[in-house]
Amino acid sequence: MIDPPHITQTTAQPAAVIRFTIPRAEIQDVMGPGITEVIAAAVSQGIGPAGPVYSHHFRMDADTFDFEVGVPVTAPVTPTGRVTAGALPAAKVARTVYHGGYEGIGEAWGAFGAWLEAEGLAPAPNLWECYVAGPESSPDPANWRTELNWPLVG
């Protein structure tokens, strides 16, 4: 399900983003259109995509998701529509790769969290997923890969 996790240092990555604060149940309704919109903005400005689409979650609770969808870019973003400039942060993160369909991502995060706890690592309240390979690259979910990144405190 997930590759063996490891610790790495990320560098800041500028991005075109749309931020959402929505009821948890609406995530499937906003993700697709948001991703389409950030990719279109990056392409129309000739600045991306410069890497895989991602979702950066700032806060997740039982009722609400506060997150952004984004795509890395090679130059500053000119705001257009809902798209603004953003970035994935430079951070010390625990990282793993989940293999499979999107319906299993919650379980993958659970296994990843259990690993962090077993290792005595303190995760930050935010996290992000990079959609490295998905339905656009293969119709078989067994070939999909999602990189899970969890910043560490301390």
N, C-alpha and C. Protein backbone atom coordinates (compact mmCIF):
# COMPACT_ATOMS: atom_id res chain seq x y z
N MET A 1 0.82 -1.19 0.00
CA MET A 1 0.00 0.00 0.00
C MET A 1 0.87 1.25 0.00
N ILE A 2 1.77 1.41 1.00
CA ILE A 2 2.68 2.56 0.98
C ILE A 2 4.12 2.04 0.97
N ASP A 3 4.98 2.83 0.31
CA ASP A 3 6.41 2.53 0.32
C ASP A 3 6.97 2.81 1.71
N PRO A 4 8.14 2.26 2.03
CA PRO A 4 8.75 2.58 3.32
C PRO A 4 8.97 4.10 3.44
N PRO A 5 8.44 4.73 4.49
CA PRO A 5 8.61 6.17 4.65
C PRO A 5 10.06 6.55 4.94
N HIS A 6 10.38 7.80 4.62
CA HIS A 6 11.70 8.33 4.92
C HIS A 6 11.58 9.82 5.23
N ILE A 7 12.63 10.39 5.77
CA ILE A 7 12.66 11.82 6.10
C ILE A 7 13.48 12.53 5.03
N THR A 8 12.98 13.68 4.58
CA THR A 8 13.69 14.48 3.58
C THR A 8 13.44 15.96 3.83
N GLN A 9 14.23 16.78 3.21
CA GLN A 9 14.06 18.24 3.29
C GLN A 9 13.55 18.72 1.94
N THR A 10 12.44 19.44 1.94
CA THR A 10 11.92 20.00 0.70
C THR A 10 12.39 21.43 0.54
N THR A 11 12.36 21.91 -0.68
CA THR A 11 12.61 23.32 -0.96
C THR A 11 11.28 23.95 -1.33
N ALA A 12 11.17 25.26 -1.14
CA ALA A 12 9.94 25.96 -1.51
C ALA A 12 9.71 25.83 -3.01
N GLN A 13 8.47 25.59 -3.38
CA GLN A 13 8.11 25.44 -4.79
C GLN A 13 6.97 26.39 -5.12
N PRO A 14 7.24 27.45 -5.89
CA PRO A 14 6.14 28.35 -6.28
C PRO A 14 5.07 27.60 -7.04
N ALA A 15 3.83 28.08 -6.90
CA ALA A 15 2.71 27.36 -7.51
C ALA A 15 1.56 28.30 -7.84
N ALA A 16 0.72 27.84 -8.74
CA ALA A 16 -0.58 28.45 -9.00
C ALA A 16 -1.56 27.66 -8.14
N VAL A 17 -2.38 28.35 -7.34
CA VAL A 17 -3.23 27.66 -6.37
C VAL A 17 -4.64 28.26 -6.32
N ILE A 18 -5.56 27.45 -5.83
CA ILE A 18 -6.89 27.90 -5.41
C ILE A 18 -7.09 27.35 -4.01
N ARG A 19 -7.47 28.21 -3.08
CA ARG A 19 -7.69 27.78 -1.70
C ARG A 19 -9.18 27.59 -1.46
N PHE A 20 -9.50 26.54 -0.71
CA PHE A 20 -10.88 26.20 -0.37
C PHE A 20 -11.00 25.99 1.14
N THR A 21 -12.07 26.44 1.72
CA THR A 21 -12.48 26.05 3.07
C THR A 21 -13.93 25.59 2.90
N ILE A 22 -14.11 24.28 2.97
CA ILE A 22 -15.38 23.68 2.58
C ILE A 22 -15.80 22.59 3.55
N PRO A 23 -17.09 22.25 3.56
CA PRO A 23 -17.50 21.06 4.30
C PRO A 23 -16.78 19.84 3.72
N ARG A 24 -16.36 18.97 4.59
CA ARG A 24 -15.59 17.77 4.21
C ARG A 24 -16.26 17.00 3.06
N ALA A 25 -17.55 16.90 3.07
CA ALA A 25 -18.28 16.12 2.08
C ALA A 25 -18.19 16.70 0.67
N GLU A 26 -17.76 17.95 0.53
CA GLU A 26 -17.72 18.60 -0.79
C GLU A 26 -16.38 18.44 -1.51
N ILE A 27 -15.40 17.79 -0.89
CA ILE A 27 -14.07 17.75 -1.50
C ILE A 27 -14.07 17.16 -2.90
N GLN A 28 -14.84 16.12 -3.13
CA GLN A 28 -14.87 15.51 -4.46
C GLN A 28 -15.50 16.43 -5.49
N ASP A 29 -16.37 17.34 -5.05
CA ASP A 29 -17.02 18.27 -5.96
C ASP A 29 -16.11 19.42 -6.38
N VAL A 30 -15.16 19.81 -5.55
CA VAL A 30 -14.32 20.98 -5.85
C VAL A 30 -12.93 20.62 -6.38
N MET A 31 -12.43 19.43 -6.07
CA MET A 31 -11.07 19.07 -6.48
C MET A 31 -10.89 19.09 -8.00
N GLY A 32 -11.71 18.38 -8.73
CA GLY A 32 -11.55 18.28 -10.18
C GLY A 32 -11.60 19.64 -10.87
N PRO A 33 -12.66 20.42 -10.64
CA PRO A 33 -12.71 21.74 -11.27
C PRO A 33 -11.56 22.65 -10.83
N GLY A 34 -11.15 22.56 -9.57
CA GLY A 34 -10.03 23.38 -9.10
C GLY A 34 -8.73 23.01 -9.80
N ILE A 35 -8.48 21.73 -9.94
CA ILE A 35 -7.27 21.26 -10.63
C ILE A 35 -7.28 21.72 -12.09
N THR A 36 -8.41 21.56 -12.75
CA THR A 36 -8.53 22.01 -14.14
C THR A 36 -8.22 23.50 -14.25
N GLU A 37 -8.72 24.28 -13.31
CA GLU A 37 -8.54 25.74 -13.34
C GLU A 37 -7.08 26.14 -13.10
N VAL A 38 -6.39 25.52 -12.13
CA VAL A 38 -4.99 25.91 -11.88
C VAL A 38 -4.09 25.48 -13.05
N ILE A 39 -4.35 24.31 -13.62
CA ILE A 39 -3.56 23.88 -14.78
C ILE A 39 -3.78 24.85 -15.94
N ALA A 40 -5.03 25.20 -16.22
CA ALA A 40 -5.33 26.12 -17.33
C ALA A 40 -4.64 27.47 -17.13
N ALA A 41 -4.63 27.97 -15.90
CA ALA A 41 -3.98 29.26 -15.64
C ALA A 41 -2.47 29.16 -15.86
N ALA A 42 -1.85 28.08 -15.37
CA ALA A 42 -0.41 27.91 -15.55
C ALA A 42 -0.06 27.76 -17.03
N VAL A 43 -0.84 26.99 -17.76
CA VAL A 43 -0.59 26.79 -19.20
C VAL A 43 -0.78 28.11 -19.95
N SER A 44 -1.87 28.82 -19.67
CA SER A 44 -2.15 30.06 -20.41
C SER A 44 -1.09 31.13 -20.15
N GLN A 45 -0.46 31.08 -18.97
CA GLN A 45 0.59 32.04 -18.65
C GLN A 45 1.98 31.55 -19.07
N GLY A 46 2.06 30.33 -19.59
CA GLY A 46 3.32 29.77 -20.05
C GLY A 46 4.31 29.48 -18.94
N ILE A 47 3.78 29.16 -17.74
CA ILE A 47 4.65 28.96 -16.57
C ILE A 47 4.52 27.58 -15.95
N GLY A 48 3.79 26.70 -16.58
CA GLY A 48 3.64 25.37 -16.00
C GLY A 48 2.63 24.55 -16.77
N PRO A 49 2.34 23.39 -16.22
CA PRO A 49 2.79 22.87 -14.94
C PRO A 49 4.26 22.44 -14.95
N ALA A 50 4.92 22.68 -13.82
CA ALA A 50 6.33 22.33 -13.65
C ALA A 50 6.49 21.18 -12.67
N GLY A 51 5.47 20.37 -12.54
CA GLY A 51 5.47 19.23 -11.62
C GLY A 51 4.06 18.75 -11.44
N PRO A 52 3.88 17.72 -10.60
CA PRO A 52 2.54 17.16 -10.43
C PRO A 52 1.60 18.07 -9.65
N VAL A 53 0.33 17.93 -9.95
CA VAL A 53 -0.73 18.61 -9.19
C VAL A 53 -0.66 18.13 -7.74
N TYR A 54 -1.03 19.00 -6.81
CA TYR A 54 -1.02 18.63 -5.40
C TYR A 54 -2.21 19.23 -4.68
N SER A 55 -2.47 18.70 -3.49
CA SER A 55 -3.41 19.34 -2.55
C SER A 55 -2.65 19.51 -1.24
N HIS A 56 -2.69 20.73 -0.71
CA HIS A 56 -2.00 21.08 0.54
C HIS A 56 -3.09 21.37 1.57
N HIS A 57 -3.17 20.53 2.57
CA HIS A 57 -4.20 20.65 3.60
C HIS A 57 -3.63 21.39 4.81
N PHE A 58 -4.26 22.52 5.14
CA PHE A 58 -3.82 23.32 6.27
C PHE A 58 -4.50 22.89 7.57
N ARG A 59 -5.74 22.46 7.45
CA ARG A 59 -6.52 22.03 8.61
C ARG A 59 -7.58 21.05 8.14
N MET A 60 -7.68 19.94 8.85
CA MET A 60 -8.72 18.96 8.56
C MET A 60 -9.35 18.58 9.89
N ASP A 61 -10.63 18.77 9.97
CA ASP A 61 -11.33 18.29 11.16
C ASP A 61 -12.52 17.46 10.71
N ALA A 62 -13.35 17.09 11.64
CA ALA A 62 -14.45 16.19 11.31
C ALA A 62 -15.40 16.79 10.27
N ASP A 63 -15.54 18.11 10.25
CA ASP A 63 -16.53 18.75 9.39
C ASP A 63 -15.97 19.56 8.24
N THR A 64 -14.72 20.06 8.35
CA THR A 64 -14.22 21.06 7.42
C THR A 64 -12.83 20.71 6.91
N PHE A 65 -12.61 20.95 5.62
CA PHE A 65 -11.28 20.90 5.02
C PHE A 65 -10.88 22.32 4.65
N ASP A 66 -9.69 22.72 5.06
CA ASP A 66 -9.09 24.00 4.67
C ASP A 66 -7.83 23.61 3.88
N PHE A 67 -7.88 23.77 2.55
CA PHE A 67 -6.79 23.28 1.72
C PHE A 67 -6.72 24.08 0.43
N GLU A 68 -5.63 23.85 -0.31
CA GLU A 68 -5.53 24.41 -1.64
C GLU A 68 -5.13 23.32 -2.62
N VAL A 69 -5.57 23.48 -3.85
CA VAL A 69 -5.07 22.65 -4.93
C VAL A 69 -4.10 23.53 -5.70
N GLY A 70 -3.02 22.92 -6.18
CA GLY A 70 -2.03 23.72 -6.87
C GLY A 70 -1.25 22.92 -7.87
N VAL A 71 -0.48 23.66 -8.66
CA VAL A 71 0.44 23.07 -9.62
C VAL A 71 1.71 23.92 -9.58
N PRO A 72 2.87 23.26 -9.49
CA PRO A 72 4.13 24.01 -9.49
C PRO A 72 4.30 24.81 -10.79
N VAL A 73 4.94 25.98 -10.66
CA VAL A 73 5.17 26.86 -11.81
C VAL A 73 6.63 27.30 -11.84
N THR A 74 7.04 27.84 -13.00
CA THR A 74 8.43 28.25 -13.20
C THR A 74 8.65 29.75 -13.08
N ALA A 75 7.55 30.52 -12.94
CA ALA A 75 7.64 31.98 -12.86
C ALA A 75 6.46 32.48 -12.04
N PRO A 76 6.49 33.75 -11.64
CA PRO A 76 5.38 34.29 -10.84
C PRO A 76 4.03 34.16 -11.54
N VAL A 77 3.01 33.89 -10.73
CA VAL A 77 1.64 33.73 -11.21
C VAL A 77 0.95 35.09 -11.24
N THR A 78 0.28 35.39 -12.34
CA THR A 78 -0.60 36.55 -12.40
C THR A 78 -1.99 36.06 -11.98
N PRO A 79 -2.54 36.59 -10.87
CA PRO A 79 -3.86 36.12 -10.44
C PRO A 79 -4.89 36.24 -11.56
N THR A 80 -5.70 35.20 -11.67
CA THR A 80 -6.76 35.18 -12.67
C THR A 80 -7.90 34.32 -12.14
N GLY A 81 -9.12 34.84 -12.16
CA GLY A 81 -10.24 34.10 -11.60
C GLY A 81 -9.96 33.77 -10.15
N ARG A 82 -10.11 32.51 -9.79
CA ARG A 82 -9.83 32.08 -8.41
C ARG A 82 -8.37 31.72 -8.18
N VAL A 83 -7.56 31.71 -9.23
CA VAL A 83 -6.16 31.28 -9.14
C VAL A 83 -5.28 32.42 -8.65
N THR A 84 -4.46 32.11 -7.64
CA THR A 84 -3.51 33.07 -7.10
C THR A 84 -2.13 32.41 -6.98
N ALA A 85 -1.16 33.20 -6.58
CA ALA A 85 0.18 32.67 -6.35
C ALA A 85 0.22 31.99 -4.99
N GLY A 86 0.93 30.90 -4.91
CA GLY A 86 1.11 30.18 -3.66
C GLY A 86 2.42 29.43 -3.73
N ALA A 87 2.63 28.51 -2.81
CA ALA A 87 3.86 27.72 -2.80
C ALA A 87 3.71 26.54 -1.86
N LEU A 88 4.39 25.47 -2.22
CA LEU A 88 4.62 24.42 -1.24
C LEU A 88 5.81 24.88 -0.42
N PRO A 89 5.79 24.66 0.90
CA PRO A 89 6.85 25.22 1.75
C PRO A 89 8.14 24.41 1.73
N ALA A 90 9.22 25.08 2.09
CA ALA A 90 10.46 24.38 2.42
C ALA A 90 10.23 23.80 3.81
N ALA A 91 10.46 22.51 3.97
CA ALA A 91 10.17 21.89 5.26
C ALA A 91 10.89 20.54 5.38
N LYS A 92 11.14 20.14 6.61
CA LYS A 92 11.58 18.77 6.89
C LYS A 92 10.31 17.95 6.95
N VAL A 93 10.22 16.94 6.07
CA VAL A 93 8.99 16.14 5.98
C VAL A 93 9.29 14.66 6.05
N ALA A 94 8.30 13.93 6.55
CA ALA A 94 8.27 12.49 6.36
C ALA A 94 7.53 12.28 5.05
N ARG A 95 8.03 11.34 4.24
CA ARG A 95 7.46 11.14 2.90
C ARG A 95 7.32 9.65 2.63
N THR A 96 6.25 9.32 1.94
CA THR A 96 6.04 7.97 1.41
C THR A 96 5.26 8.10 0.12
N VAL A 97 5.12 7.00 -0.58
CA VAL A 97 4.31 6.96 -1.80
C VAL A 97 3.26 5.88 -1.62
N TYR A 98 2.02 6.28 -1.88
CA TYR A 98 0.88 5.36 -1.84
C TYR A 98 0.62 4.88 -3.27
N HIS A 99 0.41 3.58 -3.42
CA HIS A 99 0.09 2.97 -4.71
C HIS A 99 -1.36 2.52 -4.68
N GLY A 100 -2.19 3.04 -5.58
CA GLY A 100 -3.57 2.60 -5.64
C GLY A 100 -4.54 3.71 -5.94
N GLY A 101 -5.83 3.36 -5.95
CA GLY A 101 -6.92 4.30 -6.24
C GLY A 101 -7.12 5.30 -5.11
N TYR A 102 -7.71 6.42 -5.46
CA TYR A 102 -7.88 7.51 -4.50
C TYR A 102 -8.74 7.13 -3.29
N GLU A 103 -9.61 6.14 -3.45
CA GLU A 103 -10.45 5.75 -2.31
C GLU A 103 -9.63 5.17 -1.17
N GLY A 104 -8.39 4.77 -1.41
CA GLY A 104 -7.54 4.20 -0.36
C GLY A 104 -6.59 5.19 0.29
N ILE A 105 -6.65 6.46 -0.12
CA ILE A 105 -5.69 7.44 0.41
C ILE A 105 -5.88 7.65 1.91
N GLY A 106 -7.11 7.66 2.38
CA GLY A 106 -7.35 7.84 3.82
C GLY A 106 -6.67 6.74 4.64
N GLU A 107 -6.80 5.51 4.19
CA GLU A 107 -6.16 4.39 4.87
C GLU A 107 -4.63 4.50 4.80
N ALA A 108 -4.12 4.99 3.67
CA ALA A 108 -2.67 5.17 3.52
C ALA A 108 -2.16 6.22 4.51
N TRP A 109 -2.90 7.33 4.67
CA TRP A 109 -2.51 8.35 5.65
C TRP A 109 -2.54 7.76 7.06
N GLY A 110 -3.51 6.89 7.33
CA GLY A 110 -3.57 6.24 8.65
C GLY A 110 -2.35 5.39 8.92
N ALA A 111 -1.93 4.60 7.93
CA ALA A 111 -0.73 3.77 8.07
C ALA A 111 0.51 4.64 8.22
N PHE A 112 0.56 5.73 7.47
CA PHE A 112 1.68 6.66 7.54
C PHE A 112 1.74 7.31 8.93
N GLY A 113 0.59 7.73 9.45
CA GLY A 113 0.53 8.31 10.79
C GLY A 113 0.97 7.33 11.86
N ALA A 114 0.59 6.07 11.71
CA ALA A 114 1.02 5.04 12.67
C ALA A 114 2.54 4.87 12.63
N TRP A 115 3.13 4.95 11.43
CA TRP A 115 4.58 4.87 11.31
C TRP A 115 5.25 6.05 12.04
N LEU A 116 4.71 7.27 11.82
CA LEU A 116 5.26 8.45 12.49
C LEU A 116 5.24 8.27 14.01
N GLU A 117 4.11 7.79 14.52
CA GLU A 117 3.98 7.59 15.96
C GLU A 117 4.97 6.54 16.45
N ALA A 118 5.09 5.44 15.73
CA ALA A 118 6.02 4.37 16.13
C ALA A 118 7.47 4.86 16.13
N GLU A 119 7.78 5.81 15.25
CA GLU A 119 9.13 6.36 15.16
C GLU A 119 9.36 7.51 16.14
N GLY A 120 8.31 7.91 16.88
CA GLY A 120 8.44 9.00 17.84
C GLY A 120 8.56 10.37 17.18
N LEU A 121 8.02 10.51 15.96
CA LEU A 121 8.10 11.78 15.22
C LEU A 121 6.83 12.59 15.45
N ALA A 122 6.98 13.91 15.54
CA ALA A 122 5.84 14.79 15.78
C ALA A 122 5.43 15.46 14.47
N PRO A 123 4.27 15.10 13.91
CA PRO A 123 3.83 15.72 12.66
C PRO A 123 3.23 17.11 12.91
N ALA A 124 3.42 17.99 11.94
CA ALA A 124 2.78 19.31 11.96
C ALA A 124 1.30 19.14 11.61
N PRO A 125 0.50 20.18 11.81
CA PRO A 125 -0.93 20.05 11.50
C PRO A 125 -1.26 20.08 10.02
N ASN A 126 -0.30 20.49 9.19
CA ASN A 126 -0.57 20.52 7.75
C ASN A 126 0.11 19.33 7.06
N LEU A 127 -0.33 19.03 5.84
CA LEU A 127 0.24 17.95 5.05
C LEU A 127 -0.12 18.17 3.60
N TRP A 128 0.59 17.47 2.69
CA TRP A 128 0.21 17.58 1.29
C TRP A 128 0.41 16.27 0.55
N GLU A 129 -0.37 16.17 -0.54
CA GLU A 129 -0.34 15.02 -1.44
C GLU A 129 0.04 15.52 -2.83
N CYS A 130 0.97 14.85 -3.49
CA CYS A 130 1.32 15.14 -4.88
C CYS A 130 0.83 13.95 -5.72
N TYR A 131 0.02 14.25 -6.72
CA TYR A 131 -0.59 13.20 -7.53
C TYR A 131 0.35 12.89 -8.71
N VAL A 132 1.32 12.01 -8.44
CA VAL A 132 2.41 11.72 -9.37
C VAL A 132 1.92 10.98 -10.62
N ALA A 133 1.04 10.02 -10.46
CA ALA A 133 0.48 9.28 -11.59
C ALA A 133 -0.95 8.89 -11.21
N GLY A 134 -1.89 9.22 -12.08
CA GLY A 134 -3.30 8.94 -11.80
C GLY A 134 -4.02 8.51 -13.05
N PRO A 135 -5.32 8.78 -13.10
CA PRO A 135 -6.13 8.31 -14.23
C PRO A 135 -5.67 8.86 -15.58
N GLU A 136 -4.97 10.00 -15.57
CA GLU A 136 -4.47 10.56 -16.83
C GLU A 136 -3.32 9.74 -17.40
N SER A 137 -2.68 8.91 -16.56
CA SER A 137 -1.52 8.14 -17.03
C SER A 137 -1.81 6.65 -17.19
N SER A 138 -2.89 6.16 -16.56
CA SER A 138 -3.24 4.74 -16.66
C SER A 138 -4.68 4.53 -16.21
N PRO A 139 -5.44 3.69 -16.92
CA PRO A 139 -6.79 3.40 -16.46
C PRO A 139 -6.82 2.46 -15.25
N ASP A 140 -5.68 1.83 -14.95
CA ASP A 140 -5.60 0.86 -13.87
C ASP A 140 -5.14 1.54 -12.58
N PRO A 141 -6.01 1.67 -11.56
CA PRO A 141 -5.62 2.31 -10.30
C PRO A 141 -4.40 1.68 -9.62
N ALA A 142 -4.09 0.43 -9.93
CA ALA A 142 -2.90 -0.19 -9.35
C ALA A 142 -1.63 0.53 -9.79
N ASN A 143 -1.70 1.28 -10.89
CA ASN A 143 -0.55 2.02 -11.40
C ASN A 143 -0.49 3.46 -10.91
N TRP A 144 -1.49 3.91 -10.16
CA TRP A 144 -1.52 5.28 -9.69
C TRP A 144 -0.58 5.44 -8.49
N ARG A 145 0.07 6.60 -8.38
CA ARG A 145 0.99 6.88 -7.28
C ARG A 145 0.70 8.27 -6.72
N THR A 146 0.56 8.33 -5.41
CA THR A 146 0.35 9.60 -4.71
C THR A 146 1.43 9.74 -3.66
N GLU A 147 2.21 10.80 -3.76
CA GLU A 147 3.27 11.08 -2.78
C GLU A 147 2.64 11.77 -1.58
N LEU A 148 2.84 11.21 -0.39
CA LEU A 148 2.31 11.77 0.85
C LEU A 148 3.45 12.46 1.59
N ASN A 149 3.24 13.71 1.97
CA ASN A 149 4.25 14.52 2.65
C ASN A 149 3.66 15.08 3.94
N TRP A 150 4.35 14.81 5.06
CA TRP A 150 3.88 15.29 6.35
C TRP A 150 5.02 16.05 7.04
N PRO A 151 4.94 17.39 7.08
CA PRO A 151 5.99 18.15 7.77
C PRO A 151 6.13 17.72 9.22
N LEU A 152 7.34 17.84 9.71
CA LEU A 152 7.64 17.42 11.08
C LEU A 152 7.90 18.64 11.97
N VAL A 153 7.50 18.55 13.21
CA VAL A 153 7.74 19.61 14.19
C VAL A 153 9.06 19.29 14.89
N GLY A 154 9.91 20.29 15.01
CA GLY A 154 11.15 20.12 15.77
C GLY A 154 12.31 19.62 15.01
